[in-house]
């Protein structure tokens, strides 16, 4: 990413919970914010004007980029999470490094257009169909790193250990390309991955179903030695809980705790079906929880206990997961609205709290603690939403946070800046000029391989 010093003038900006008018944001060649000055009524000479409400860049803490190719087709007919999973397995068999690069580049461009400046890619499609490694064993991972860089956003590659089809079961044929066969082989391959200025490397244990209990500590140790983020799918379905209890006599959360996976660097994904004891374990360890409401409702998973997880002490972040939609504003409001449906009471989270889940908390979960805030010294990653669209027009600017969370969509994003570089300008991606065409071509090329 080539960086230059630039001065921006935000018509309005959300600064630590307060909407301020006329904020000058000076960025440096190191990609950080050098200075913020509010209450500047007009853009200084040479400043780039950002009309609307500027907020920190959004963090998408949980992504499976290739799932984007299932959009709409996965909504045909009915079924359950498990029938959807079969369609996902069929799609995964079509991927190769070139095709995955083209698809991910377009998907990450879509994210930038929706105000996302950093994504956590939960990556487990490692090898060729059948399980044979590519000549470069990390060809698929490197395709994702390159795709994010070309789309102009930051990436945390969460390289995923995936060894079994279920408790005590070897991988089925669709899962062979996910598996390194042993946890030590996974660790050796992951060791070869290299960070870049815009990409960091983390680890993931796919789930307690896919990583045998005796291998969990190795994944945890790998992440601990590198002080890297560690993510795990947890209790997305009741069936996972039932099978774990049958195999180990304990819940998936307790199993993770007993093998050292619950730490402040850890984020569990979904936690839809955790009980009170599980929540106490997660919160007591300071372990984060990434909720993905649009996917959880699309797959009929259920409504996660967001308020109880927060109250137990778990930082909450948000992800678009299967990309039924890519819209972190929708994820944020869905977390509140789901609680309203469950309790028939309004106001569990303030708009400011939801924005922090979408920004600061998400970046922390992905190992970018220097991002997610508009303040001097932070990474110069921010996004601007229109306050005069048919969705956002009307409320006064002082209610900008409420407007963003409860009215705006990703379509209202006008500007996205990453490291001081203007990636999306007036709603147009500057690096992937025709993102819809890129998406269409990538998805069509993938399906043409059937």
Foldseek 3Di string as FASTA:
>chain_A
DFFAWAKAWEQWEQALNFIFGTWIFTFHRQQFTADIDTDPNDDDPRHHYFYFYKFFFFEFQEAAQQLQLCAPVLLPDDDFLVVSVVVVLVLLLLDDLVLLLLSLLLSLLLLVLLRHQEYEHADQQQDHQQQHADPLSRSNVVSNCVSNVLSRHAYEYALEAFAAPFAVHGDDRSCNSRHLNALVSSLVSLVPDDADPRYHYHYEYAFCGGAPLVNLLVNQVSCVVVVFAYEYAACLAVVQQVRCCVRPVDGRLVSCVVSPNQALSYEYEAQQDDDLVSLLSNQVRQHAYEYQQVVSVSNVSHQRPVLSSVVSHHQYAYHNYSPNDNWLLARLVSNQVSVCVVPVDHDSDDLSSSLCNRFQSSCSNRVQNLGRRRDRRRRPWMWRFHCPDPQRDDDDCRCVSVSSNPTDTSNRIQWTAGSNRTQHHGSAGPSPRCSVVSNVVSSVVSVVSD
